[in-house]
Amino acid sequence: MEIVSTGQWLPGDANVQTIEGKAHGASVTLLLEHMPAGSGPRLHTHPYGETWVVIEGRIAFSDGREMREASTGDVVYVAPGEPHKFTVLSAGRIKMVCIHQSDEFITDWLE
């Protein structure tokens, strides 16, 4: 068992804290996201599946063609190779946990 101490939830203006699993002998990578209104990554894919747990806020997820909204308490799944991006809709910062089904963060940017 290993406990990775992250301190408080992304203090100050930090947007994303990445914890790659391979540094800890784990097969998943976590991103703790604390992003301001209007922010988010551009369209991309991963060779593995990805899951978000929305802790606080509203987010627009898109596959590049269709947009769907997720909010506090929702779980979002994206299949391996599926294009996706998101934009924070909340007026304040959102909180999400993003789970990458890989021991390292691998991204292919499409935009």
PDB file of N, CA and C in Angstrom:
ATOM      1  N   MET A   1       0.847  -1.175   0.000  1.00  0.00           N
ATOM      2  CA  MET A   1       0.000   0.000   0.000  1.00  0.00           C
ATOM      3  C   MET A   1       0.888   1.232   0.000  1.00  0.00           C
ATOM      4  N   GLU A   2       0.448   2.246  -0.747  1.00  0.00           N
ATOM      5  CA  GLU A   2       1.161   3.520  -0.761  1.00  0.00           C
ATOM      6  C   GLU A   2       0.133   4.644  -0.671  1.00  0.00           C
ATOM      7  N   ILE A   3       0.446   5.644   0.099  1.00  0.00           N
ATOM      8  CA  ILE A   3      -0.389   6.836   0.195  1.00  0.00           C
ATOM      9  C   ILE A   3       0.396   7.993  -0.402  1.00  0.00           C
ATOM     10  N   VAL A   4      -0.191   8.645  -1.394  1.00  0.00           N
ATOM     11  CA  VAL A   4       0.430   9.806  -2.019  1.00  0.00           C
ATOM     12  C   VAL A   4      -0.250  11.033  -1.431  1.00  0.00           C
ATOM     13  N   SER A   5       0.490  11.818  -0.687  1.00  0.00           N
ATOM     14  CA  SER A   5      -0.074  13.006  -0.060  1.00  0.00           C
ATOM     15  C   SER A   5      -0.038  14.166  -1.042  1.00  0.00           C
ATOM     16  N   THR A   6      -1.215  14.716  -1.326  1.00  0.00           N
ATOM     17  CA  THR A   6      -1.293  15.849  -2.251  1.00  0.00           C
ATOM     18  C   THR A   6      -1.509  17.153  -1.498  1.00  0.00           C
ATOM     19  N   GLY A   7      -1.549  17.085  -0.162  1.00  0.00           N
ATOM     20  CA  GLY A   7      -1.826  18.291   0.615  1.00  0.00           C
ATOM     21  C   GLY A   7      -3.271  18.690   0.419  1.00  0.00           C
ATOM     22  N   GLN A   8      -3.504  19.969   0.279  1.00  0.00           N
ATOM     23  CA  GLN A   8      -4.868  20.423   0.024  1.00  0.00           C
ATOM     24  C   GLN A   8      -5.190  20.326  -1.464  1.00  0.00           C
ATOM     25  N   TRP A   9      -6.449  20.507  -1.800  1.00  0.00           N
ATOM     26  CA  TRP A   9      -6.884  20.375  -3.188  1.00  0.00           C
ATOM     27  C   TRP A   9      -6.391  21.562  -4.009  1.00  0.00           C
ATOM     28  N   LEU A  10      -5.291  21.394  -4.713  1.00  0.00           N
ATOM     29  CA  LEU A  10      -4.747  22.378  -5.641  1.00  0.00           C
ATOM     30  C   LEU A  10      -4.880  23.813  -5.139  1.00  0.00           C
ATOM     31  N   PRO A  11      -4.040  24.197  -4.219  1.00  0.00           N
ATOM     32  CA  PRO A  11      -4.132  25.542  -3.654  1.00  0.00           C
ATOM     33  C   PRO A  11      -3.867  26.638  -4.685  1.00  0.00           C
ATOM     34  N   GLY A  12      -4.394  27.823  -4.425  1.00  0.00           N
ATOM     35  CA  GLY A  12      -4.114  28.987  -5.259  1.00  0.00           C
ATOM     36  C   GLY A  12      -4.632  28.848  -6.671  1.00  0.00           C
ATOM     37  N   ASP A  13      -3.786  29.208  -7.644  1.00  0.00           N
ATOM     38  CA  ASP A  13      -4.185  29.240  -9.047  1.00  0.00           C
ATOM     39  C   ASP A  13      -3.844  27.972  -9.807  1.00  0.00           C
ATOM     40  N   ALA A  14      -3.407  26.920  -9.123  1.00  0.00           N
ATOM     41  CA  ALA A  14      -3.070  25.666  -9.805  1.00  0.00           C
ATOM     42  C   ALA A  14      -4.305  25.124 -10.522  1.00  0.00           C
ATOM     43  N   ASN A  15      -4.119  24.613 -11.739  1.00  0.00           N
ATOM     44  CA  ASN A  15      -5.227  24.069 -12.528  1.00  0.00           C
ATOM     45  C   ASN A  15      -5.306  22.556 -12.481  1.00  0.00           C
ATOM     46  N   VAL A  16      -4.165  21.877 -12.567  1.00  0.00           N
ATOM     47  CA  VAL A  16      -4.148  20.415 -12.641  1.00  0.00           C
ATOM     48  C   VAL A  16      -2.931  19.877 -11.894  1.00  0.00           C
ATOM     49  N   GLN A  17      -3.163  18.861 -11.093  1.00  0.00           N
ATOM     50  CA  GLN A  17      -2.074  18.131 -10.456  1.00  0.00           C
ATOM     51  C   GLN A  17      -2.103  16.715 -11.020  1.00  0.00           C
ATOM     52  N   THR A  18      -1.000  16.256 -11.604  1.00  0.00           N
ATOM     53  CA  THR A  18      -0.917  14.934 -12.226  1.00  0.00           C
ATOM     54  C   THR A  18      -0.133  13.988 -11.323  1.00  0.00           C
ATOM     55  N   ILE A  19      -0.708  12.814 -11.082  1.00  0.00           N
ATOM     56  CA  ILE A  19      -0.046  11.780 -10.293  1.00  0.00           C
ATOM     57  C   ILE A  19       0.036  10.539 -11.179  1.00  0.00           C
ATOM     58  N   GLU A  20       1.205  10.321 -11.811  1.00  0.00           N
ATOM     59  CA  GLU A  20       1.378   9.166 -12.694  1.00  0.00           C
ATOM     60  C   GLU A  20       1.564   7.902 -11.862  1.00  0.00           C
ATOM     61  N   GLY A  21       0.813   6.887 -12.217  1.00  0.00           N
ATOM     62  CA  GLY A  21       0.825   5.637 -11.480  1.00  0.00           C
ATOM     63  C   GLY A  21       2.156   4.916 -11.462  1.00  0.00           C
ATOM     64  N   LYS A  22       2.908   4.987 -12.562  1.00  0.00           N
ATOM     65  CA  LYS A  22       4.139   4.188 -12.631  1.00  0.00           C
ATOM     66  C   LYS A  22       5.145   4.577 -11.555  1.00  0.00           C
ATOM     67  N   ALA A  23       5.104   5.811 -11.068  1.00  0.00           N
ATOM     68  CA  ALA A  23       6.003   6.231  -9.993  1.00  0.00           C
ATOM     69  C   ALA A  23       5.630   5.579  -8.663  1.00  0.00           C
ATOM     70  N   HIS A  24       4.434   4.979  -8.613  1.00  0.00           N
ATOM     71  CA  HIS A  24       3.930   4.406  -7.371  1.00  0.00           C
ATOM     72  C   HIS A  24       3.538   2.937  -7.516  1.00  0.00           C
ATOM     73  N   GLY A  25       3.903   2.310  -8.651  1.00  0.00           N
ATOM     74  CA  GLY A  25       3.569   0.914  -8.880  1.00  0.00           C
ATOM     75  C   GLY A  25       2.093   0.680  -9.147  1.00  0.00           C
ATOM     76  N   ALA A  26       1.398   1.725  -9.638  1.00  0.00           N
ATOM     77  CA  ALA A  26      -0.042   1.630  -9.913  1.00  0.00           C
ATOM     78  C   ALA A  26      -0.291   1.660 -11.415  1.00  0.00           C
ATOM     79  N   SER A  27      -1.412   1.083 -11.843  1.00  0.00           N
ATOM     80  CA  SER A  27      -1.727   1.007 -13.274  1.00  0.00           C
ATOM     81  C   SER A  27      -2.667   2.109 -13.739  1.00  0.00           C
ATOM     82  N   VAL A  28      -2.882   3.140 -12.918  1.00  0.00           N
ATOM     83  CA  VAL A  28      -3.705   4.288 -13.307  1.00  0.00           C
ATOM     84  C   VAL A  28      -2.947   5.580 -13.020  1.00  0.00           C
ATOM     85  N   THR A  29      -3.295   6.616 -13.765  1.00  0.00           N
ATOM     86  CA  THR A  29      -2.782   7.964 -13.555  1.00  0.00           C
ATOM     87  C   THR A  29      -3.957   8.850 -13.193  1.00  0.00           C
ATOM     88  N   LEU A  30      -3.781   9.691 -12.191  1.00  0.00           N
ATOM     89  CA  LEU A  30      -4.844  10.589 -11.743  1.00  0.00           C
ATOM     90  C   LEU A  30      -4.492  12.033 -12.057  1.00  0.00           C
ATOM     91  N   LEU A  31      -5.499  12.778 -12.466  1.00  0.00           N
ATOM     92  CA  LEU A  31      -5.370  14.222 -12.603  1.00  0.00           C
ATOM     93  C   LEU A  31      -6.401  14.843 -11.674  1.00  0.00           C
ATOM     94  N   LEU A  32      -5.944  15.681 -10.757  1.00  0.00           N
ATOM     95  CA  LEU A  32      -6.836  16.436  -9.900  1.00  0.00           C
ATOM     96  C   LEU A  32      -6.998  17.790 -10.582  1.00  0.00           C
ATOM     97  N   GLU A  33      -8.222  18.100 -10.993  1.00  0.00           N
ATOM     98  CA  GLU A  33      -8.470  19.297 -11.799  1.00  0.00           C
ATOM     99  C   GLU A  33      -9.249  20.330 -10.987  1.00  0.00           C
ATOM    100  N   HIS A  34      -8.768  21.562 -11.027  1.00  0.00           N
ATOM    101  CA  HIS A  34      -9.349  22.684 -10.281  1.00  0.00           C
ATOM    102  C   HIS A  34      -9.269  23.892 -11.207  1.00  0.00           C
ATOM    103  N   MET A  35     -10.095  23.893 -12.238  1.00  0.00           N
ATOM    104  CA  MET A  35      -9.923  24.809 -13.361  1.00  0.00           C
ATOM    105  C   MET A  35     -10.960  25.940 -13.350  1.00  0.00           C
ATOM    106  N   PRO A  36     -10.555  27.137 -13.807  1.00  0.00           N
ATOM    107  CA  PRO A  36     -11.461  28.287 -13.820  1.00  0.00           C
ATOM    108  C   PRO A  36     -12.431  28.262 -14.998  1.00  0.00           C
ATOM    109  N   ALA A  37     -13.442  29.103 -14.908  1.00  0.00           N
ATOM    110  CA  ALA A  37     -14.459  29.241 -15.966  1.00  0.00           C
ATOM    111  C   ALA A  37     -13.805  29.457 -17.333  1.00  0.00           C
ATOM    112  N   GLY A  38     -14.360  28.772 -18.341  1.00  0.00           N
ATOM    113  CA  GLY A  38     -13.900  28.937 -19.717  1.00  0.00           C
ATOM    114  C   GLY A  38     -12.670  28.137 -20.085  1.00  0.00           C
ATOM    115  N   SER A  39     -12.021  27.495 -19.128  1.00  0.00           N
ATOM    116  CA  SER A  39     -10.796  26.754 -19.438  1.00  0.00           C
ATOM    117  C   SER A  39     -11.095  25.302 -19.765  1.00  0.00           C
ATOM    118  N   GLY A  40     -10.092  24.614 -20.280  1.00  0.00           N
ATOM    119  CA  GLY A  40     -10.198  23.203 -20.609  1.00  0.00           C
ATOM    120  C   GLY A  40      -9.249  22.857 -21.735  1.00  0.00           C
ATOM    121  N   PRO A  41      -8.960  21.580 -21.898  1.00  0.00           N
ATOM    122  CA  PRO A  41      -8.032  21.158 -22.948  1.00  0.00           C
ATOM    123  C   PRO A  41      -8.693  21.157 -24.325  1.00  0.00           C
ATOM    124  N   ARG A  42      -7.869  21.293 -25.358  1.00  0.00           N
ATOM    125  CA  ARG A  42      -8.378  21.197 -26.739  1.00  0.00           C
ATOM    126  C   ARG A  42      -8.596  19.720 -27.086  1.00  0.00           C
ATOM    127  N   LEU A  43      -9.184  19.453 -28.244  1.00  0.00           N
ATOM    128  CA  LEU A  43      -9.542  18.099 -28.665  1.00  0.00           C
ATOM    129  C   LEU A  43      -8.311  17.191 -28.721  1.00  0.00           C
ATOM    130  N   HIS A  44      -8.451  15.989 -28.137  1.00  0.00           N
ATOM    131  CA  HIS A  44      -7.340  15.043 -28.073  1.00  0.00           C
ATOM    132  C   HIS A  44      -7.867  13.622 -27.886  1.00  0.00           C
ATOM    133  N   THR A  45      -6.961  12.656 -27.940  1.00  0.00           N
ATOM    134  CA  THR A  45      -7.290  11.255 -27.670  1.00  0.00           C
ATOM    135  C   THR A  45      -6.218  10.663 -26.761  1.00  0.00           C
ATOM    136  N   HIS A  46      -6.538   9.485 -26.221  1.00  0.00           N
ATOM    137  CA  HIS A  46      -5.590   8.677 -25.444  1.00  0.00           C
ATOM    138  C   HIS A  46      -5.728   7.237 -25.939  1.00  0.00           C
ATOM    139  N   PRO A  47      -4.665   6.433 -25.874  1.00  0.00           N
ATOM    140  CA  PRO A  47      -4.762   5.033 -26.301  1.00  0.00           C
ATOM    141  C   PRO A  47      -5.399   4.137 -25.242  1.00  0.00           C
ATOM    142  N   TYR A  48      -5.975   4.730 -24.220  1.00  0.00           N
ATOM    143  CA  TYR A  48      -6.609   4.015 -23.116  1.00  0.00           C
ATOM    144  C   TYR A  48      -7.883   4.758 -22.724  1.00  0.00           C
ATOM    145  N   GLY A  49      -8.721   4.139 -21.941  1.00  0.00           N
ATOM    146  CA  GLY A  49      -9.949   4.778 -21.483  1.00  0.00           C
ATOM    147  C   GLY A  49      -9.679   5.833 -20.423  1.00  0.00           C
ATOM    148  N   GLU A  50     -10.659   6.734 -20.267  1.00  0.00           N
ATOM    149  CA  GLU A  50     -10.537   7.822 -19.302  1.00  0.00           C
ATOM    150  C   GLU A  50     -11.888   8.016 -18.607  1.00  0.00           C
ATOM    151  N   THR A  51     -11.846   8.307 -17.319  1.00  0.00           N
ATOM    152  CA  THR A  51     -13.053   8.500 -16.522  1.00  0.00           C
ATOM    153  C   THR A  51     -12.894   9.767 -15.688  1.00  0.00           C
ATOM    154  N   TRP A  52     -13.945  10.585 -15.642  1.00  0.00           N
ATOM    155  CA  TRP A  52     -13.953  11.766 -14.779  1.00  0.00           C
ATOM    156  C   TRP A  52     -15.031  11.594 -13.730  1.00  0.00           C
ATOM    157  N   VAL A  53     -14.761  12.068 -12.529  1.00  0.00           N
ATOM    158  CA  VAL A  53     -15.754  12.196 -11.478  1.00  0.00           C
ATOM    159  C   VAL A  53     -15.852  13.691 -11.189  1.00  0.00           C
ATOM    160  N   VAL A  54     -17.027  14.256 -11.440  1.00  0.00           N
ATOM    161  CA  VAL A  54     -17.221  15.687 -11.230  1.00  0.00           C
ATOM    162  C   VAL A  54     -17.561  15.888  -9.756  1.00  0.00           C
ATOM    163  N   ILE A  55     -16.654  16.512  -9.035  1.00  0.00           N
ATOM    164  CA  ILE A  55     -16.826  16.745  -7.602  1.00  0.00           C
ATOM    165  C   ILE A  55     -17.633  18.026  -7.371  1.00  0.00           C
ATOM    166  N   GLU A  56     -17.358  19.038  -8.201  1.00  0.00           N
ATOM    167  CA  GLU A  56     -18.019  20.330  -8.023  1.00  0.00           C
ATOM    168  C   GLU A  56     -17.986  21.098  -9.336  1.00  0.00           C
ATOM    169  N   GLY A  57     -19.155  21.584  -9.790  1.00  0.00           N
ATOM    170  CA  GLY A  57     -19.207  22.448 -10.964  1.00  0.00           C
ATOM    171  C   GLY A  57     -19.945  21.857 -12.144  1.00  0.00           C
ATOM    172  N   ARG A  58     -19.916  22.616 -13.261  1.00  0.00           N
ATOM    173  CA  ARG A  58     -20.553  22.228 -14.527  1.00  0.00           C
ATOM    174  C   ARG A  58     -19.513  22.292 -15.635  1.00  0.00           C
ATOM    175  N   ILE A  59     -19.497  21.246 -16.471  1.00  0.00           N
ATOM    176  CA  ILE A  59     -18.501  21.120 -17.531  1.00  0.00           C
ATOM    177  C   ILE A  59     -19.183  20.658 -18.806  1.00  0.00           C
ATOM    178  N   ALA A  60     -18.797  21.240 -19.948  1.00  0.00           N
ATOM    179  CA  ALA A  60     -19.289  20.799 -21.258  1.00  0.00           C
ATOM    180  C   ALA A  60     -18.239  19.868 -21.861  1.00  0.00           C
ATOM    181  N   PHE A  61     -18.615  18.604 -22.091  1.00  0.00           N
ATOM    182  CA  PHE A  61     -17.735  17.629 -22.730  1.00  0.00           C
ATOM    183  C   PHE A  61     -18.134  17.502 -24.191  1.00  0.00           C
ATOM    184  N   SER A  62     -17.146  17.359 -25.077  1.00  0.00           N
ATOM    185  CA  SER A  62     -17.421  17.237 -26.504  1.00  0.00           C
ATOM    186  C   SER A  62     -16.527  16.179 -27.126  1.00  0.00           C
ATOM    187  N   ASP A  63     -17.065  15.502 -28.152  1.00  0.00           N
ATOM    188  CA  ASP A  63     -16.267  14.565 -28.947  1.00  0.00           C
ATOM    189  C   ASP A  63     -15.830  15.222 -30.253  1.00  0.00           C
ATOM    190  N   GLY A  64     -16.010  16.540 -30.353  1.00  0.00           N
ATOM    191  CA  GLY A  64     -15.669  17.278 -31.560  1.00  0.00           C
ATOM    192  C   GLY A  64     -16.863  17.504 -32.467  1.00  0.00           C
ATOM    193  N   ARG A  65     -17.973  16.811 -32.198  1.00  0.00           N
ATOM    194  CA  ARG A  65     -19.193  16.959 -32.985  1.00  0.00           C
ATOM    195  C   ARG A  65     -20.377  17.320 -32.095  1.00  0.00           C
ATOM    196  N   GLU A  66     -20.503  16.623 -30.979  1.00  0.00           N
ATOM    197  CA  GLU A  66     -21.634  16.785 -30.077  1.00  0.00           C
ATOM    198  C   GLU A  66     -21.127  17.226 -28.706  1.00  0.00           C
ATOM    199  N   MET A  67     -21.895  18.099 -28.026  1.00  0.00           N
ATOM    200  CA  MET A  67     -21.548  18.556 -26.694  1.00  0.00           C
ATOM    201  C   MET A  67     -22.584  18.053 -25.709  1.00  0.00           C
ATOM    202  N   ARG A  68     -22.110  17.572 -24.556  1.00  0.00           N
ATOM    203  CA  ARG A  68     -22.999  17.149 -23.476  1.00  0.00           C
ATOM    204  C   ARG A  68     -22.493  17.761 -22.178  1.00  0.00           C
ATOM    205  N   GLU A  69     -23.420  18.098 -21.296  1.00  0.00           N
ATOM    206  CA  GLU A  69     -23.065  18.747 -20.046  1.00  0.00           C
ATOM    207  C   GLU A  69     -23.038  17.755 -18.894  1.00  0.00           C
ATOM    208  N   ALA A  70     -22.040  17.905 -18.025  1.00  0.00           N
ATOM    209  CA  ALA A  70     -21.942  17.116 -16.803  1.00  0.00           C
ATOM    210  C   ALA A  70     -21.829  18.079 -15.627  1.00  0.00           C
ATOM    211  N   SER A  71     -22.333  17.651 -14.465  1.00  0.00           N
ATOM    212  CA  SER A  71     -22.274  18.517 -13.291  1.00  0.00           C
ATOM    213  C   SER A  71     -22.000  17.692 -12.039  1.00  0.00           C
ATOM    214  N   THR A  72     -21.954  18.354 -10.909  1.00  0.00           N
ATOM    215  CA  THR A  72     -21.615  17.750  -9.627  1.00  0.00           C
ATOM    216  C   THR A  72     -22.284  16.381  -9.454  1.00  0.00           C
ATOM    217  N   GLY A  73     -21.468  15.377  -9.165  1.00  0.00           N
ATOM    218  CA  GLY A  73     -21.970  14.023  -8.942  1.00  0.00           C
ATOM    219  C   GLY A  73     -21.980  13.143 -10.176  1.00  0.00           C
ATOM    220  N   ASP A  74     -21.779  13.718 -11.363  1.00  0.00           N
ATOM    221  CA  ASP A  74     -21.780  12.924 -12.596  1.00  0.00           C
ATOM    222  C   ASP A  74     -20.439  12.235 -12.800  1.00  0.00           C
ATOM    223  N   VAL A  75     -20.483  11.109 -13.521  1.00  0.00           N
ATOM    224  CA  VAL A  75     -19.292  10.368 -13.935  1.00  0.00           C
ATOM    225  C   VAL A  75     -19.320  10.309 -15.456  1.00  0.00           C
ATOM    226  N   VAL A  76     -18.197  10.630 -16.077  1.00  0.00           N
ATOM    227  CA  VAL A  76     -18.086  10.661 -17.540  1.00  0.00           C
ATOM    228  C   VAL A  76     -17.052   9.632 -17.967  1.00  0.00           C
ATOM    229  N   TYR A  77     -17.417   8.778 -18.930  1.00  0.00           N
ATOM    230  CA  TYR A  77     -16.502   7.774 -19.477  1.00  0.00           C
ATOM    231  C   TYR A  77     -16.180   8.105 -20.925  1.00  0.00           C
ATOM    232  N   VAL A  78     -14.910   7.902 -21.316  1.00  0.00           N
ATOM    233  CA  VAL A  78     -14.484   8.045 -22.707  1.00  0.00           C
ATOM    234  C   VAL A  78     -13.696   6.779 -23.063  1.00  0.00           C
ATOM    235  N   ALA A  79     -14.040   6.169 -24.183  1.00  0.00           N
ATOM    236  CA  ALA A  79     -13.386   4.934 -24.620  1.00  0.00           C
ATOM    237  C   ALA A  79     -11.981   5.212 -25.170  1.00  0.00           C
ATOM    238  N   PRO A  80     -11.114   4.213 -25.193  1.00  0.00           N
ATOM    239  CA  PRO A  80      -9.790   4.388 -25.786  1.00  0.00           C
ATOM    240  C   PRO A  80      -9.910   4.892 -27.223  1.00  0.00           C
ATOM    241  N   GLY A  81      -9.109   5.890 -27.566  1.00  0.00           N
ATOM    242  CA  GLY A  81      -9.095   6.426 -28.930  1.00  0.00           C
ATOM    243  C   GLY A  81     -10.214   7.388 -29.264  1.00  0.00           C
ATOM    244  N   GLU A  82     -11.188   7.591 -28.364  1.00  0.00           N
ATOM    245  CA  GLU A  82     -12.316   8.489 -28.638  1.00  0.00           C
ATOM    246  C   GLU A  82     -11.887   9.946 -28.456  1.00  0.00           C
ATOM    247  N   PRO A  83     -12.043  10.790 -29.488  1.00  0.00           N
ATOM    248  CA  PRO A  83     -11.693  12.208 -29.348  1.00  0.00           C
ATOM    249  C   PRO A  83     -12.578  12.873 -28.290  1.00  0.00           C
ATOM    250  N   HIS A  84     -11.985  13.795 -27.536  1.00  0.00           N
ATOM    251  CA  HIS A  84     -12.744  14.499 -26.510  1.00  0.00           C
ATOM    252  C   HIS A  84     -12.034  15.782 -26.081  1.00  0.00           C
ATOM    253  N   LYS A  85     -12.825  16.680 -25.519  1.00  0.00           N
ATOM    254  CA  LYS A  85     -12.331  17.901 -24.899  1.00  0.00           C
ATOM    255  C   LYS A  85     -13.412  18.361 -23.938  1.00  0.00           C
ATOM    256  N   PHE A  86     -13.093  19.324 -23.087  1.00  0.00           N
ATOM    257  CA  PHE A  86     -14.116  19.880 -22.211  1.00  0.00           C
ATOM    258  C   PHE A  86     -13.833  21.347 -21.940  1.00  0.00           C
ATOM    259  N   THR A  87     -14.904  22.047 -21.544  1.00  0.00           N
ATOM    260  CA  THR A  87     -14.823  23.457 -21.182  1.00  0.00           C
ATOM    261  C   THR A  87     -15.589  23.660 -19.882  1.00  0.00           C
ATOM    262  N   VAL A  88     -14.991  24.386 -18.950  1.00  0.00           N
ATOM    263  CA  VAL A  88     -15.639  24.677 -17.672  1.00  0.00           C
ATOM    264  C   VAL A  88     -16.751  25.697 -17.892  1.00  0.00           C
ATOM    265  N   LEU A  89     -17.971  25.345 -17.487  1.00  0.00           N
ATOM    266  CA  LEU A  89     -19.131  26.226 -17.623  1.00  0.00           C
ATOM    267  C   LEU A  89     -19.423  27.009 -16.348  1.00  0.00           C
ATOM    268  N   SER A  90     -19.001  26.507 -15.202  1.00  0.00           N
ATOM    269  CA  SER A  90     -19.269  27.153 -13.919  1.00  0.00           C
ATOM    270  C   SER A  90     -18.645  28.544 -13.875  1.00  0.00           C
ATOM    271  N   ALA A  91     -19.255  29.420 -13.091  1.00  0.00           N
ATOM    272  CA  ALA A  91     -18.706  30.765 -12.909  1.00  0.00           C
ATOM    273  C   ALA A  91     -17.405  30.720 -12.110  1.00  0.00           C
ATOM    274  N   GLY A  92     -17.309  29.780 -11.174  1.00  0.00           N
ATOM    275  CA  GLY A  92     -16.094  29.621 -10.386  1.00  0.00           C
ATOM    276  C   GLY A  92     -15.317  28.406 -10.842  1.00  0.00           C
ATOM    277  N   ARG A  93     -14.307  28.053 -10.099  1.00  0.00           N
ATOM    278  CA  ARG A  93     -13.487  26.882 -10.436  1.00  0.00           C
ATOM    279  C   ARG A  93     -14.271  25.579 -10.238  1.00  0.00           C
ATOM    280  N   ILE A  94     -13.964  24.595 -11.063  1.00  0.00           N
ATOM    281  CA  ILE A  94     -14.550  23.260 -10.920  1.00  0.00           C
ATOM    282  C   ILE A  94     -13.549  22.367 -10.181  1.00  0.00           C
ATOM    283  N   LYS A  95     -14.053  21.247  -9.682  1.00  0.00           N
ATOM    284  CA  LYS A  95     -13.199  20.205  -9.115  1.00  0.00           C
ATOM    285  C   LYS A  95     -13.596  18.891  -9.761  1.00  0.00           C
ATOM    286  N   MET A  96     -12.619  18.217 -10.365  1.00  0.00           N
ATOM    287  CA  MET A  96     -12.851  16.897 -10.958  1.00  0.00           C
ATOM    288  C   MET A  96     -11.649  16.008 -10.657  1.00  0.00           C
ATOM    289  N   VAL A  97     -11.917  14.718 -10.566  1.00  0.00           N
ATOM    290  CA  VAL A  97     -10.860  13.725 -10.544  1.00  0.00           C
ATOM    291  C   VAL A  97     -10.926  13.018 -11.889  1.00  0.00           C
ATOM    292  N   CYS A  98      -9.814  13.005 -12.590  1.00  0.00           N
ATOM    293  CA  CYS A  98      -9.727  12.371 -13.911  1.00  0.00           C
ATOM    294  C   CYS A  98      -8.847  11.132 -13.768  1.00  0.00           C
ATOM    295  N   ILE A  99      -9.371   9.978 -14.175  1.00  0.00           N
ATOM    296  CA  ILE A  99      -8.672   8.705 -14.030  1.00  0.00           C
ATOM    297  C   ILE A  99      -8.292   8.176 -15.408  1.00  0.00           C
ATOM    298  N   HIS A 100      -6.999   8.120 -15.673  1.00  0.00           N
ATOM    299  CA  HIS A 100      -6.472   7.575 -16.930  1.00  0.00           C
ATOM    300  C   HIS A 100      -6.106   6.116 -16.692  1.00  0.00           C
ATOM    301  N   GLN A 101      -6.605   5.223 -17.524  1.00  0.00           N
ATOM    302  CA  GLN A 101      -6.366   3.794 -17.358  1.00  0.00           C
ATOM    303  C   GLN A 101      -5.003   3.408 -17.919  1.00  0.00           C
ATOM    304  N   SER A 102      -3.978   4.080 -17.401  1.00  0.00           N
ATOM    305  CA  SER A 102      -2.602   3.859 -17.825  1.00  0.00           C
ATOM    306  C   SER A 102      -1.679   4.301 -16.694  1.00  0.00           C
ATOM    307  N   ASP A 103      -0.507   3.694 -16.605  1.00  0.00           N
ATOM    308  CA  ASP A 103       0.414   4.107 -15.553  1.00  0.00           C
ATOM    309  C   ASP A 103       1.174   5.381 -15.909  1.00  0.00           C
ATOM    310  N   GLU A 104       0.922   5.910 -17.126  1.00  0.00           N
ATOM    311  CA  GLU A 104       1.514   7.188 -17.515  1.00  0.00           C
ATOM    312  C   GLU A 104       0.529   7.975 -18.378  1.00  0.00           C
ATOM    313  N   PHE A 105       0.728   9.267 -18.434  1.00  0.00           N
ATOM    314  CA  PHE A 105      -0.150  10.174 -19.172  1.00  0.00           C
ATOM    315  C   PHE A 105       0.318  10.238 -20.623  1.00  0.00           C
ATOM    316  N   ILE A 106      -0.534   9.774 -21.568  1.00  0.00           N
ATOM    317  CA  ILE A 106      -0.203   9.752 -22.998  1.00  0.00           C
ATOM    318  C   ILE A 106      -1.331  10.468 -23.748  1.00  0.00           C
ATOM    319  N   THR A 107      -0.998  11.484 -24.523  1.00  0.00           N
ATOM    320  CA  THR A 107      -2.015  12.264 -25.223  1.00  0.00           C
ATOM    321  C   THR A 107      -1.604  12.523 -26.664  1.00  0.00           C
ATOM    322  N   ASP A 108      -2.570  12.402 -27.580  1.00  0.00           N
ATOM    323  CA  ASP A 108      -2.382  12.778 -28.979  1.00  0.00           C
ATOM    324  C   ASP A 108      -3.304  13.970 -29.237  1.00  0.00           C
ATOM    325  N   TRP A 109      -2.725  15.153 -29.390  1.00  0.00           N
ATOM    326  CA  TRP A 109      -3.510  16.376 -29.584  1.00  0.00           C
ATOM    327  C   TRP A 109      -4.018  16.464 -31.014  1.00  0.00           C
ATOM    328  N   LEU A 110      -5.317  16.705 -31.179  1.00  0.00           N
ATOM    329  CA  LEU A 110      -5.946  16.784 -32.502  1.00  0.00           C
ATOM    330  C   LEU A 110      -6.206  18.234 -32.927  1.00  0.00           C
ATOM    331  N   GLU A 111      -6.188  19.148 -31.977  1.00  0.00           N
ATOM    332  CA  GLU A 111      -6.372  20.585 -32.265  1.00  0.00           C
ATOM    333  C   GLU A 111      -5.148  21.326 -31.753  1.00  0.00           C
TER     334      GLU A 111
END
